[in-house]
Amino acid sequence: MSVTINGQTYYRTVEVCRIVDISKSTLFRWLKQGILNECKCRDRRGWRLFTRDEIDGLKREVNQINKAGGL
């Protein structure tokens, strides 16, 4: 379930993984390896919140990996 803060819609990790069609472990690995930039916002529990622009960037990264892997 997305959350709106100051007029901006944010998506939680589970939603992002579902939208982009990757596992949470893949997302966290890419963040740890620096393949993806860390998201700019977290909720009060410290959980990552992603904007639509960040999700679009993640989709582009997934597409580049798919092309390179021949998928």
C-alpha atoms as a PDB file:
ATOM      1  CA  MET A   1       0.000   0.000   0.000  1.00  0.00           C
ATOM      2  CA  SER A   2       1.468   3.320  -1.041  1.00  0.00           C
ATOM      3  CA  VAL A   3       1.659   6.253   1.339  1.00  0.00           C
ATOM      4  CA  THR A   4       1.366   9.968   0.571  1.00  0.00           C
ATOM      5  CA  ILE A   5       3.573  12.442   2.412  1.00  0.00           C
ATOM      6  CA  ASN A   6       3.360  16.163   1.636  1.00  0.00           C
ATOM      7  CA  GLY A   7       1.596  15.408  -1.640  1.00  0.00           C
ATOM      8  CA  GLN A   8       4.254  12.909  -2.807  1.00  0.00           C
ATOM      9  CA  THR A   9       3.325   9.236  -3.216  1.00  0.00           C
ATOM     10  CA  TYR A  10       5.830   6.722  -1.894  1.00  0.00           C
ATOM     11  CA  TYR A  11       5.912   2.944  -2.293  1.00  0.00           C
ATOM     12  CA  ARG A  12       7.227   0.412   0.195  1.00  0.00           C
ATOM     13  CA  THR A  13       9.833  -2.199  -0.662  1.00  0.00           C
ATOM     14  CA  VAL A  14       7.355  -5.053  -1.167  1.00  0.00           C
ATOM     15  CA  GLU A  15       5.311  -2.958  -3.604  1.00  0.00           C
ATOM     16  CA  VAL A  16       8.398  -1.877  -5.514  1.00  0.00           C
ATOM     17  CA  CYS A  17       9.603  -5.457  -5.877  1.00  0.00           C
ATOM     18  CA  ARG A  18       6.182  -6.519  -7.135  1.00  0.00           C
ATOM     19  CA  ILE A  19       6.004  -3.635  -9.625  1.00  0.00           C
ATOM     20  CA  VAL A  20       9.513  -4.260 -10.966  1.00  0.00           C
ATOM     21  CA  ASP A  21       9.267  -8.062 -10.681  1.00  0.00           C
ATOM     22  CA  ILE A  22      12.374  -8.716  -8.597  1.00  0.00           C
ATOM     23  CA  SER A  23      12.816 -10.287  -5.168  1.00  0.00           C
ATOM     24  CA  LYS A  24      13.513  -8.301  -2.023  1.00  0.00           C
ATOM     25  CA  SER A  25      16.874 -10.022  -1.698  1.00  0.00           C
ATOM     26  CA  THR A  26      17.822  -8.841  -5.202  1.00  0.00           C
ATOM     27  CA  LEU A  27      16.798  -5.267  -4.386  1.00  0.00           C
ATOM     28  CA  PHE A  28      18.763  -5.267  -1.129  1.00  0.00           C
ATOM     29  CA  ARG A  29      21.807  -6.843  -2.824  1.00  0.00           C
ATOM     30  CA  TRP A  30      21.794  -4.188  -5.555  1.00  0.00           C
ATOM     31  CA  LEU A  31      21.510  -1.430  -2.942  1.00  0.00           C
ATOM     32  CA  LYS A  32      24.392  -2.921  -0.937  1.00  0.00           C
ATOM     33  CA  GLN A  33      26.562  -3.307  -4.038  1.00  0.00           C
ATOM     34  CA  GLY A  34      25.864   0.275  -5.117  1.00  0.00           C
ATOM     35  CA  ILE A  35      24.154  -0.805  -8.347  1.00  0.00           C
ATOM     36  CA  LEU A  36      21.188   1.292  -7.230  1.00  0.00           C
ATOM     37  CA  ASN A  37      21.249   4.546  -5.331  1.00  0.00           C
ATOM     38  CA  GLU A  38      19.809   4.400  -1.846  1.00  0.00           C
ATOM     39  CA  CYS A  39      16.287   5.785  -1.654  1.00  0.00           C
ATOM     40  CA  LYS A  40      15.957   9.270  -0.225  1.00  0.00           C
ATOM     41  CA  CYS A  41      13.077   8.696   2.166  1.00  0.00           C
ATOM     42  CA  ARG A  42      12.288   6.312   5.005  1.00  0.00           C
ATOM     43  CA  ASP A  43       9.253   5.987   7.220  1.00  0.00           C
ATOM     44  CA  ARG A  44       9.277   6.289  11.015  1.00  0.00           C
ATOM     45  CA  ARG A  45      10.290   2.609  11.315  1.00  0.00           C
ATOM     46  CA  GLY A  46      13.280   3.162   9.025  1.00  0.00           C
ATOM     47  CA  TRP A  47      11.745   1.276   6.120  1.00  0.00           C
ATOM     48  CA  ARG A  48      12.633   2.489   2.653  1.00  0.00           C
ATOM     49  CA  LEU A  49      10.084   4.506   0.699  1.00  0.00           C
ATOM     50  CA  PHE A  50      10.503   4.849  -3.061  1.00  0.00           C
ATOM     51  CA  THR A  51       9.105   7.508  -5.384  1.00  0.00           C
ATOM     52  CA  ARG A  52       7.712   6.708  -8.826  1.00  0.00           C
ATOM     53  CA  ASP A  53      10.901   8.202 -10.351  1.00  0.00           C
ATOM     54  CA  GLU A  54      13.049   5.827  -8.288  1.00  0.00           C
ATOM     55  CA  ILE A  55      10.876   2.904  -9.390  1.00  0.00           C
ATOM     56  CA  ASP A  56      11.244   3.962 -13.028  1.00  0.00           C
ATOM     57  CA  GLY A  57      15.029   4.039 -12.569  1.00  0.00           C
ATOM     58  CA  LEU A  58      14.906   0.576 -11.067  1.00  0.00           C
ATOM     59  CA  LYS A  59      12.886  -0.666 -14.048  1.00  0.00           C
ATOM     60  CA  ARG A  60      15.530   0.738 -16.399  1.00  0.00           C
ATOM     61  CA  GLU A  61      18.238  -1.088 -14.440  1.00  0.00           C
ATOM     62  CA  VAL A  62      16.297  -4.360 -14.607  1.00  0.00           C
ATOM     63  CA  ASN A  63      15.846  -3.917 -18.380  1.00  0.00           C
ATOM     64  CA  GLN A  64      19.597  -3.356 -18.834  1.00  0.00           C
ATOM     65  CA  ILE A  65      20.382  -6.493 -16.875  1.00  0.00           C
ATOM     66  CA  ASN A  66      17.814  -8.509 -18.855  1.00  0.00           C
ATOM     67  CA  LYS A  67      19.299  -7.294 -22.152  1.00  0.00           C
ATOM     68  CA  ALA A  68      22.849  -8.045 -21.028  1.00  0.00           C
ATOM     69  CA  GLY A  69      21.827 -11.496 -19.819  1.00  0.00           C
ATOM     70  CA  GLY A  70      20.005 -12.314 -23.005  1.00  0.00           C
ATOM     71  CA  LEU A  71      16.662 -12.737 -21.276  1.00  0.00           C
END
